[in-house]
Protein backbone atom coordinates (compact mmCIF):
# COMPACT_ATOMS: atom_id res chain seq x y z
CA MET A 1 223.27 109.86 90.58
CA VAL A 2 222.89 110.36 94.33
CA LEU A 3 224.96 107.98 96.43
CA MET A 4 222.88 106.37 99.13
CA HIS A 5 222.76 103.11 101.06
CA HIS A 6 219.72 101.85 99.19
CA VAL A 7 218.92 102.66 95.57
CA PRO A 8 215.18 103.38 95.09
CA ALA A 9 213.26 101.43 92.46
CA ILE A 10 212.62 104.58 90.42
CA VAL A 11 216.38 104.99 89.85
CA THR A 12 216.76 101.44 88.58
CA LYS A 13 213.83 101.98 86.19
CA LEU A 14 215.34 105.17 84.79
CA PHE A 15 218.60 103.36 84.12
CA SER A 16 217.11 100.00 83.19
CA GLY A 17 219.92 99.00 80.84
CA MET A 18 222.25 98.62 83.79
CA LEU A 19 222.30 95.76 86.28
CA TRP A 20 221.21 96.98 89.70
CA ASN A 21 220.17 93.70 91.30
CA LYS A 22 219.61 90.07 90.43
CA CYS A 23 216.57 87.82 90.92
CA ARG A 24 214.56 88.73 94.03
CA LYS A 25 213.14 85.21 94.26
CA GLU A 26 216.49 83.53 94.87
CA ASN A 27 218.08 83.57 98.30
CA LYS A 28 221.36 84.91 96.94
CA ILE A 29 223.30 88.11 97.30
CA TYR A 30 226.21 89.37 95.26
CA LEU A 31 229.19 90.82 97.10
CA THR A 32 231.28 93.25 95.08
CA PHE A 33 234.53 95.05 95.86
CA ASP A 34 235.79 98.08 93.94
CA ASP A 35 239.18 99.74 93.38
CA GLY A 36 241.64 96.93 94.15
CA PRO A 37 243.75 95.00 94.17
CA VAL A 38 245.53 96.71 97.07
CA PRO A 39 248.00 94.87 99.36
CA GLY A 40 246.84 94.63 102.96
CA VAL A 41 243.22 95.17 101.97
CA THR A 42 242.35 92.83 99.11
CA ASP A 43 244.18 89.95 100.78
CA PHE A 44 242.23 90.62 103.97
CA VAL A 45 238.99 90.42 101.98
CA LEU A 46 240.11 87.18 100.34
CA GLU A 47 240.91 85.63 103.72
CA GLU A 48 237.53 86.57 105.19
CA LEU A 49 235.67 85.21 102.17
CA ASP A 50 237.71 82.01 102.19
CA LYS A 51 236.95 81.40 105.89
CA ARG A 52 233.27 81.25 105.00
CA GLU A 53 233.61 79.69 101.54
CA MET A 54 231.98 82.75 99.98
CA LYS A 55 232.40 84.18 96.50
CA ALA A 56 232.44 87.79 95.32
CA THR A 57 233.12 89.90 92.25
CA PHE A 58 236.07 92.31 92.23
CA PHE A 59 235.90 95.37 89.99
CA MET A 60 239.58 96.05 89.53
CA VAL A 61 241.45 99.18 88.50
CA GLY A 62 243.86 98.29 85.70
CA ASP A 63 246.73 100.30 87.15
CA ASN A 64 246.43 98.39 90.42
CA VAL A 65 246.41 95.07 88.57
CA LYS A 66 249.59 96.14 86.80
CA LYS A 67 251.23 97.16 90.10
CA HIS A 68 250.11 94.09 92.04
CA PRO A 69 249.77 91.24 89.52
CA GLN A 70 250.13 88.39 92.01
CA LEU A 71 247.37 89.77 94.21
CA ALA A 72 245.11 90.08 91.18
CA LEU A 73 245.93 86.49 90.29
CA ASN A 74 245.08 85.41 93.82
CA VAL A 75 241.59 86.86 93.36
CA ALA A 76 241.03 85.07 90.08
CA GLU A 77 242.54 81.78 91.21
CA ALA A 78 240.26 81.74 94.27
CA GLY A 79 237.30 81.57 91.90
CA HIS A 80 236.01 85.10 92.34
CA GLY A 81 234.56 87.15 89.53
CA ILE A 82 236.51 89.91 87.80
CA GLY A 83 235.16 93.19 86.44
CA ASN A 84 236.64 96.20 84.63
CA HIS A 85 236.79 99.45 86.63
CA THR A 86 238.84 101.47 84.09
CA PHE A 87 242.62 101.73 84.17
CA HIS A 88 242.90 105.04 86.05
CA HIS A 89 239.62 105.05 88.03
CA LEU A 90 238.14 107.71 85.77
CA ASN A 91 235.03 109.72 86.53
CA GLY A 92 232.93 109.40 83.38
CA TYR A 93 231.39 112.83 83.84
CA TYR A 94 234.76 114.56 83.55
CA ALA A 95 236.61 112.33 81.08
CA SER A 96 236.43 112.87 77.34
CA PHE A 97 234.55 110.23 75.39
CA ASP A 98 237.63 108.90 73.60
CA ASN A 99 239.80 108.93 76.72
CA TYR A 100 237.18 107.07 78.73
CA LEU A 101 236.81 104.29 76.18
CA SER A 102 240.58 104.05 75.81
CA ASP A 103 240.95 103.71 79.58
CA ILE A 104 238.47 100.84 79.65
CA GLU A 105 240.42 99.13 76.88
CA SER A 106 243.69 99.64 78.76
CA CYS A 107 242.21 97.90 81.79
CA GLU A 108 241.03 95.02 79.62
CA TYR A 109 244.48 94.71 78.10
CA VAL A 110 246.05 94.34 81.55
CA PHE A 111 243.47 91.67 82.43
CA GLU A 112 244.51 89.72 79.37
CA GLU A 113 248.21 90.21 80.09
CA VAL A 114 248.18 89.44 83.81
CA LEU A 115 245.12 87.25 84.35
CA GLU A 116 244.93 85.69 80.89
CA GLN A 117 241.19 86.30 80.82
CA ASN A 118 238.68 88.89 79.66
CA SER A 119 235.75 90.33 81.54
CA SER A 120 232.29 91.11 80.24
CA LEU A 121 231.49 93.14 83.38
CA PHE A 122 232.08 96.86 83.81
CA ARG A 123 231.37 99.18 86.71
CA PRO A 124 231.91 102.92 86.25
CA PRO A 125 233.97 104.51 89.02
CA TYR A 126 231.79 106.66 91.30
CA GLY A 127 228.80 105.18 89.47
CA LYS A 128 229.14 108.00 86.93
CA LEU A 129 228.70 107.26 83.26
CA THR A 130 227.30 109.43 80.47
CA LYS A 131 224.62 108.14 78.13
CA LYS A 132 227.03 108.33 75.21
CA GLN A 133 229.64 106.27 77.08
CA PHE A 134 227.02 103.73 78.09
CA GLU A 135 225.71 103.38 74.55
CA ALA A 136 229.25 102.78 73.30
CA ILE A 137 230.06 99.95 75.70
CA LYS A 138 226.74 98.23 76.38
CA SER A 139 227.12 95.70 73.56
CA LYS A 140 230.44 94.48 74.97
CA TYR A 141 229.92 94.88 78.71
CA GLN A 142 227.19 94.30 81.24
CA VAL A 143 227.28 97.57 83.17
CA VAL A 144 226.92 96.63 86.83
CA MET A 145 225.72 99.08 89.45
CA TRP A 146 224.36 98.13 92.90
CA ASP A 147 221.31 98.40 95.09
CA VAL A 148 223.13 98.45 98.46
CA LEU A 149 226.03 100.85 99.00
CA SER A 150 227.96 100.06 102.18
CA GLY A 151 229.26 103.60 102.61
CA ASP A 152 232.60 102.25 103.83
CA TYR A 153 234.29 105.30 102.28
CA ASP A 154 232.19 107.85 104.22
CA GLN A 155 234.26 109.15 107.13
CA ARG A 156 231.28 111.09 108.48
CA GLN A 157 229.61 107.81 109.33
CA SER A 158 230.59 105.44 112.12
CA PRO A 159 231.47 101.83 111.28
CA THR A 160 228.52 100.75 113.44
CA LYS A 161 226.07 102.78 111.36
CA CYS A 162 227.69 101.60 108.14
CA LEU A 163 227.27 97.97 109.17
CA SER A 164 223.72 98.48 110.43
CA LYS A 165 222.49 100.10 107.20
CA THR A 166 224.19 97.56 104.97
CA LYS A 167 222.50 94.73 106.86
CA LYS A 168 219.14 96.53 106.82
CA TYR A 169 218.93 96.86 103.05
CA SER A 170 220.40 93.49 102.05
CA ARG A 171 217.79 91.22 100.52
CA ASN A 172 217.39 88.53 97.87
CA GLY A 173 219.24 89.48 94.72
CA SER A 174 221.06 92.46 96.22
CA ILE A 175 224.33 93.64 94.75
CA ILE A 176 226.37 94.94 97.69
CA LEU A 177 229.17 97.42 97.11
CA PHE A 178 232.31 97.57 99.28
CA HIS A 179 235.76 99.00 98.44
CA ASP A 180 239.08 97.19 98.88
CA GLN A 181 241.29 100.27 98.92
CA LEU A 182 243.49 102.19 101.38
CA LYS A 183 240.93 104.88 102.24
CA THR A 184 238.37 102.31 103.35
CA GLN A 185 240.61 99.69 104.95
CA GLN A 186 240.04 100.70 108.58
CA VAL A 187 236.26 100.66 108.28
CA LEU A 188 236.24 97.58 106.06
CA LYS A 189 238.30 95.58 108.53
CA LYS A 190 235.86 96.49 111.28
CA ILE A 191 232.63 95.74 109.45
CA LEU A 192 233.30 93.05 106.84
CA PRO A 193 233.70 90.05 109.18
CA ASP A 194 230.46 90.95 110.99
CA TYR A 195 228.63 91.52 107.73
CA LEU A 196 229.77 88.20 106.29
CA ASP A 197 228.68 86.47 109.49
CA PHE A 198 225.30 88.15 109.07
CA VAL A 199 225.09 86.87 105.50
CA GLN A 200 225.89 83.37 106.68
CA ASP A 201 223.54 83.46 109.66
CA THR A 202 220.67 84.83 107.54
CA GLY A 203 221.03 81.95 105.11
CA PHE A 204 221.99 83.96 102.06
CA GLN A 205 224.11 82.24 99.45
CA THR A 206 226.83 84.27 97.73
CA ALA A 207 227.67 84.08 94.04
CA VAL A 208 229.73 85.80 91.38
CA LEU A 209 227.95 88.04 88.91
C-alpha cells in the first residue's frame, strides 16, 4: 500500500474488510497514535489531549508497554482507547505467518498483564498485512487503518507542510494517524498542539474507536 496523506476511496474499497474511516455524517474524528508508549512523547500527547478534554486511540507496541508499564497505564486510565500494534513492531510482509500471529498474541498478553484489559483493535505496523494474516485475525480483531496520514515521520517534509496537509484532509469520520515515538517527537511537538486547536476550532468532536 502506498503511504500518502489521504487514502483514496478506491483503496478503501479494495480492502473493505478493514476500517478506514467512521461515519461521514457525524461531526467526529478519531485521533490515533502508533508505536508508543514512549517517555517524553506519549506523556506530551496525553497532556495536550487533556488540556482540550479530547480522546484518542493508542496502538501500542507490546515491548514498549512492557518497558514502560506506568505510562501505558496512564493512557488507559485517562480513558483513551487501546489497540494492538504487535509486540516487536513487525512488518507483515516480511514476517512468517506463525511468527506474526505469535507476536500479536504476545502483545495481547502484555496488555492483559500490565493493563488488565484486552483489545479488539489491531493496526498492522507500516500498514502492511498479508491476506493470509488478515484472514487469520479478522474474527478476533477489527483491523484499523486510516484515511489521513499525518506524515510526522517524513523528514523530507517540513512541519508546516505536515500540519497543512493533515488539516486539509480531515473531515467527518476521519481516522487520523500520528506516531508517539522518538523519531517523530520533534515534528509531533511542533504540529500536534496546532492541529488539536484546529480540531477544536472547527467543531469536531473526538472519540475512541
